[in-house]
Amino acid sequence: MTPRRRRDTGGGRRAQRNEAARLTEQLMDAGFNKKQVGEILGRNPSLVSQFFTKNKGASMVEALRAVVQEVQAGGPQDTTSLKALAGAHIQPRLNKAGYKAKVRGKNRIRAERTVKDERGRTVVGPDGKPVKAWSSSLAKAGRQHIASGASRLRPVVEDAAVNQGLIAFTVRARKGAFTHDAGRMDDSPGVRRYVVQRRDGTEERAYANNTGGPGSGMQGFDAVEFKGMVDAAGGDVAAAVQRWLVDTGRIVPGTPITGLEIRAWKQNQ
């Protein structure tokens, strides 16, 4: 009788884990559990377990990378904010023919939290409903929307400025137009991040005001100052970001931005 083959539960199996499992493991090392990772991704926790057991999760890799980047950079740690961030990166489902399902993704997300009093009780308004306060916002714009002024990005900046929040952003532009090597202190100080290389010759880079490094308390640009920069650009967020990239020597002048994502969150949550 042929002896039954034992499962490899040691380091060899760990080394063979796919990217989704590897990134999930980084979040678990940071204190999250599989249930919370599932909530962030908007999926059942059982799917997260299948990253490890059935090699699933390829469509979640980009979202997981964005969340890992935000956590490692010292950004917001609550599941609501991270879910808003992940939602913009989750790849759409495919139909049986292998094509994208015709479902329009969200280009702008706004999250709120229930206000609590000093005793931790929910504050109720005159209408008898719980009082809500802004928590975080996210918006993204592509080439065409940027060319028309990227109007959906401005409310994110305004929300953050009114609530004394913080802002970070991810820029997509032509590969080679950036003047510094990705991930270097000269390019994005204190931000542990990945670079997304696109087939069309562009790449994505993230920026935040982490001059003191992760955990230093400076996990984003001051929203009031950022809004002032946007106002100086006539309300065009993409133009303001492009000017900042040029003025700080991070990109070649005249380089068009082909994609922009703005993330904002409440400070000291």
Protein backbone atom coordinates (compact mmCIF):
# COMPACT_ATOMS: atom_id res chain seq x y z
CA MET A 1 0.00 0.00 0.00
CA THR A 2 1.43 3.36 -1.05
CA PRO A 3 1.96 5.64 1.98
CA ARG A 4 -0.19 8.76 2.04
CA ARG A 5 1.69 11.95 1.20
CA ARG A 6 1.84 14.45 4.03
CA ARG A 7 0.88 18.05 3.54
CA ASP A 8 3.67 20.57 3.71
CA THR A 9 2.69 22.96 6.46
CA GLY A 10 6.12 24.44 7.01
CA GLY A 11 8.15 27.21 5.47
CA GLY A 12 7.94 25.77 1.96
CA ARG A 13 4.24 26.38 1.77
CA ARG A 14 4.66 29.89 3.17
CA ALA A 15 7.18 30.65 0.46
CA GLN A 16 4.71 29.56 -2.21
CA ARG A 17 1.88 31.82 -1.03
CA ASN A 18 0.39 34.11 -3.64
CA GLU A 19 0.56 37.89 -3.52
CA ALA A 20 -2.89 38.31 -1.96
CA ALA A 21 -1.96 35.97 0.90
CA ARG A 22 1.40 37.67 1.39
CA LEU A 23 -0.18 41.14 1.63
CA THR A 24 -2.93 39.84 3.92
CA GLU A 25 -0.23 38.42 6.17
CA GLN A 26 1.36 41.88 6.38
CA LEU A 27 -1.96 43.33 7.53
CA MET A 28 -2.33 40.54 10.09
CA ASP A 29 1.17 41.32 11.36
CA ALA A 30 -0.02 44.92 11.78
CA GLY A 31 -2.86 43.77 14.05
CA PHE A 32 -5.76 43.07 11.69
CA ASN A 33 -7.58 39.72 11.55
CA LYS A 34 -9.09 37.95 8.54
CA LYS A 35 -12.57 39.20 9.37
CA GLN A 36 -11.37 42.81 9.33
CA VAL A 37 -9.46 42.27 6.09
CA GLY A 38 -12.68 40.90 4.58
CA GLU A 39 -14.59 43.98 5.75
CA ILE A 40 -11.96 46.27 4.23
CA LEU A 41 -12.24 44.43 0.90
CA GLY A 42 -16.03 44.25 1.08
CA ARG A 43 -15.91 40.46 0.91
CA ASN A 44 -16.73 37.51 3.15
CA PRO A 45 -13.89 36.47 5.51
CA SER A 46 -14.04 32.99 4.00
CA LEU A 47 -12.66 34.42 0.76
CA VAL A 48 -9.69 35.82 2.68
CA SER A 49 -8.99 32.35 4.03
CA GLN A 50 -9.04 31.06 0.45
CA PHE A 51 -6.13 33.38 -0.37
CA PHE A 52 -4.07 30.91 1.68
CA THR A 53 -5.83 27.60 0.94
CA LYS A 54 -7.03 27.90 -2.67
CA ASN A 55 -4.66 30.45 -4.19
CA LYS A 56 -7.47 32.97 -4.73
CA GLY A 57 -7.41 36.77 -4.45
CA ALA A 58 -5.70 37.93 -7.67
CA SER A 59 -8.37 40.59 -8.21
CA MET A 60 -7.76 41.93 -4.69
CA VAL A 61 -4.00 42.41 -4.94
CA GLU A 62 -4.07 46.08 -5.99
CA ALA A 63 -6.52 46.95 -3.19
CA LEU A 64 -4.47 45.06 -0.62
CA ARG A 65 -1.30 46.83 -1.72
CA ALA A 66 -2.97 50.22 -1.32
CA VAL A 67 -4.19 49.32 2.17
CA VAL A 68 -0.81 47.93 3.24
CA GLN A 69 0.84 51.13 1.99
CA GLU A 70 -1.58 53.29 3.96
CA VAL A 71 -1.14 51.27 7.16
CA GLN A 72 2.65 51.19 6.92
CA ALA A 73 2.75 54.93 6.22
CA GLY A 74 0.84 55.60 9.46
CA GLY A 75 -2.45 56.64 7.84
CA PRO A 76 -5.95 55.98 9.20
CA GLN A 77 -6.35 52.54 10.75
CA ASP A 78 -10.15 52.30 10.98
CA THR A 79 -11.87 49.82 8.67
CA THR A 80 -14.25 52.46 7.25
CA SER A 81 -11.41 54.60 5.88
CA LEU A 82 -9.44 51.62 4.64
CA LYS A 83 -12.54 50.15 2.99
CA ALA A 84 -13.04 53.42 1.09
CA LEU A 85 -9.42 53.28 -0.03
CA ALA A 86 -9.59 49.62 -1.06
CA GLY A 87 -12.86 50.08 -2.94
CA ALA A 88 -11.19 52.29 -5.50
CA HIS A 89 -8.63 49.59 -6.31
CA ILE A 90 -10.71 46.42 -6.43
CA GLN A 91 -10.83 45.05 -9.94
CA PRO A 92 -14.31 44.56 -11.38
CA ARG A 93 -15.79 41.10 -11.59
CA LEU A 94 -15.70 39.27 -14.93
CA ASN A 95 -18.67 37.70 -16.66
CA LYS A 96 -18.73 34.10 -17.94
CA ALA A 97 -17.12 35.17 -21.20
CA GLY A 98 -14.17 36.64 -19.34
CA TYR A 99 -15.06 40.28 -19.97
CA LYS A 100 -15.67 43.03 -17.43
CA ALA A 101 -19.19 43.02 -16.09
CA LYS A 102 -21.01 46.20 -17.06
CA VAL A 103 -21.11 47.69 -13.60
CA ARG A 104 -19.97 51.26 -13.10
CA GLY A 105 -17.45 51.59 -10.29
CA LYS A 106 -17.52 54.41 -7.76
CA ASN A 107 -15.25 57.34 -8.54
CA ARG A 108 -16.02 59.14 -5.29
CA ILE A 109 -16.59 57.74 -1.81
CA ARG A 110 -17.49 59.68 1.33
CA ALA A 111 -17.53 58.01 4.75
CA GLU A 112 -19.07 59.27 7.99
CA ARG A 113 -18.91 58.10 11.60
CA THR A 114 -21.46 58.28 14.40
CA VAL A 115 -20.68 61.00 16.94
CA LYS A 116 -20.26 59.80 20.54
CA ASP A 117 -20.41 61.83 23.76
CA GLU A 118 -17.85 61.70 26.59
CA ARG A 119 -19.46 58.55 27.95
CA GLY A 120 -19.35 56.79 24.61
CA ARG A 121 -23.07 57.18 23.95
CA THR A 122 -24.44 58.00 20.50
CA VAL A 123 -25.34 61.67 20.09
CA VAL A 124 -28.89 62.08 18.75
CA GLY A 125 -29.97 65.14 16.78
CA PRO A 126 -33.26 67.10 16.91
CA ASP A 127 -34.68 64.78 14.23
CA GLY A 128 -34.15 61.77 16.51
CA LYS A 129 -31.42 60.33 14.27
CA PRO A 130 -27.77 59.72 15.23
CA VAL A 131 -25.50 62.67 14.47
CA LYS A 132 -22.92 61.87 11.80
CA ALA A 133 -19.55 63.51 11.22
CA TRP A 134 -17.24 63.34 8.24
CA SER A 135 -14.61 60.63 8.56
CA SER A 136 -12.87 60.20 5.20
CA SER A 137 -13.24 60.77 1.48
CA LEU A 138 -11.71 59.39 -1.68
CA ALA A 139 -12.05 60.37 -5.32
CA LYS A 140 -10.23 59.44 -8.49
CA ALA A 141 -10.07 60.90 -11.97
CA GLY A 142 -8.78 59.64 -15.30
CA ARG A 143 -7.32 61.44 -18.29
CA GLN A 144 -10.61 62.77 -19.69
CA HIS A 145 -11.97 63.95 -16.36
CA ILE A 146 -8.66 65.64 -15.52
CA ALA A 147 -8.76 67.48 -18.86
CA SER A 148 -12.18 68.91 -17.93
CA GLY A 149 -11.04 70.14 -14.51
CA ALA A 150 -11.52 67.00 -12.39
CA SER A 151 -14.51 68.48 -10.55
CA ARG A 152 -15.17 65.35 -8.47
CA LEU A 153 -11.82 65.76 -6.69
CA ARG A 154 -12.50 69.18 -5.18
CA PRO A 155 -15.23 68.10 -2.66
CA VAL A 156 -12.70 65.73 -1.08
CA VAL A 157 -10.31 68.62 -0.51
CA GLU A 158 -13.07 70.88 0.81
CA ASP A 159 -14.37 68.22 3.25
CA ALA A 160 -10.88 67.70 4.61
CA ALA A 161 -10.18 71.44 4.95
CA VAL A 162 -13.43 72.13 6.83
CA ASN A 163 -12.71 69.26 9.22
CA GLN A 164 -9.00 70.02 9.71
CA GLY A 165 -8.11 66.76 8.01
CA LEU A 166 -5.15 65.35 6.13
CA ILE A 167 -4.64 64.55 2.45
CA ALA A 168 -2.55 62.11 0.44
CA PHE A 169 -2.66 61.40 -3.28
CA THR A 170 -1.55 58.96 -5.95
CA VAL A 171 -0.39 60.27 -9.32
CA ARG A 172 -0.27 58.42 -12.62
CA ALA A 173 2.05 59.79 -15.30
CA ARG A 174 4.43 58.74 -18.03
CA LYS A 175 7.22 56.42 -16.88
CA GLY A 176 10.51 58.28 -17.06
CA ALA A 177 8.90 61.66 -16.38
CA PHE A 178 9.55 61.33 -12.65
CA THR A 179 12.94 62.76 -11.73
CA HIS A 180 13.66 60.50 -8.72
CA ASP A 181 13.79 56.76 -8.30
CA ALA A 182 10.55 55.43 -6.84
CA GLY A 183 10.48 54.94 -3.09
CA ARG A 184 13.56 57.11 -2.46
CA MET A 185 13.48 59.73 0.28
CA ASP A 186 13.88 62.48 -2.33
CA ASP A 187 10.68 61.34 -4.02
CA SER A 188 8.31 60.25 -1.24
CA PRO A 189 9.97 60.56 2.18
CA GLY A 190 8.64 58.25 4.87
CA VAL A 191 6.14 56.51 2.60
CA ARG A 192 6.70 52.77 2.27
CA ARG A 193 5.02 52.05 -1.00
CA TYR A 194 4.95 50.07 -4.18
CA VAL A 195 5.05 51.36 -7.74
CA VAL A 196 2.35 50.28 -10.16
CA GLN A 197 3.76 49.84 -13.65
CA ARG A 198 1.17 50.11 -16.43
CA ARG A 199 1.26 48.51 -19.87
CA ASP A 200 0.69 51.89 -21.53
CA GLY A 201 4.08 53.18 -20.35
CA THR A 202 2.81 55.02 -17.28
CA GLU A 203 3.31 54.37 -13.57
CA GLU A 204 1.65 55.36 -10.31
CA ARG A 205 3.34 56.97 -7.31
CA ALA A 206 1.87 57.98 -3.95
CA TYR A 207 2.68 61.10 -1.95
CA ALA A 208 2.02 62.23 1.62
CA ASN A 209 3.75 64.62 4.01
CA ASN A 210 5.53 61.87 5.96
CA THR A 211 8.72 63.86 6.43
CA GLY A 212 9.32 62.25 9.81
CA GLY A 213 8.67 58.71 8.64
CA PRO A 214 5.93 56.24 9.61
CA GLY A 215 4.54 56.86 13.08
CA SER A 216 5.85 60.42 13.27
CA GLY A 217 2.37 61.94 13.34
CA MET A 218 2.64 63.60 9.92
CA GLN A 219 0.75 61.13 7.76
CA GLY A 220 -0.55 63.58 5.19
CA PHE A 221 -0.61 67.11 3.84
CA ASP A 222 -2.49 69.69 5.91
CA ALA A 223 -5.86 69.99 4.15
CA VAL A 224 -6.20 73.75 4.71
CA GLU A 225 -2.82 74.38 3.10
CA PHE A 226 -3.62 71.92 0.33
CA LYS A 227 -6.92 73.71 -0.37
CA GLY A 228 -5.02 76.99 -0.61
CA MET A 229 -2.83 75.41 -3.26
CA VAL A 230 -5.94 74.23 -5.13
CA ASP A 231 -7.57 77.67 -4.88
CA ALA A 232 -4.42 79.21 -6.35
CA ALA A 233 -4.86 76.84 -9.33
CA GLY A 234 -8.40 78.09 -9.94
CA GLY A 235 -9.98 75.14 -8.15
CA ASP A 236 -8.34 72.56 -10.42
CA VAL A 237 -6.96 69.85 -8.10
CA ALA A 238 -5.03 68.09 -10.86
CA ALA A 239 -3.37 71.35 -11.93
CA ALA A 240 -2.43 72.07 -8.30
CA VAL A 241 -0.86 68.63 -7.90
CA GLN A 242 1.01 68.95 -11.16
CA ARG A 243 2.37 72.34 -10.11
CA TRP A 244 3.50 70.88 -6.75
CA LEU A 245 5.28 68.02 -8.50
CA VAL A 246 7.10 70.46 -10.77
CA ASP A 247 7.91 73.02 -8.06
CA THR A 248 9.34 70.32 -5.78
CA GLY A 249 11.41 68.85 -8.60
CA ARG A 250 9.64 65.50 -8.71
CA ILE A 251 8.47 65.52 -12.33
CA VAL A 252 9.57 66.98 -15.65
CA PRO A 253 7.74 70.26 -16.42
CA GLY A 254 4.93 69.86 -18.96
CA THR A 255 4.29 66.20 -18.07
CA PRO A 256 0.54 65.50 -18.24
CA ILE A 257 -1.10 63.65 -15.36
CA THR A 258 -3.15 60.76 -16.72
CA GLY A 259 -4.64 59.60 -13.43
CA LEU A 260 -5.10 61.09 -9.97
CA GLU A 261 -6.53 59.74 -6.71
CA ILE A 262 -7.11 62.03 -3.71
CA ARG A 263 -7.52 60.51 -0.22
CA ALA A 264 -8.53 62.52 2.86
CA TRP A 265 -9.22 61.54 6.45
CA LYS A 266 -9.96 63.09 9.83
CA GLN A 267 -6.89 63.87 11.90
CA ASN A 268 -6.38 62.14 15.26
CA GLN A 269 -9.23 59.64 14.83
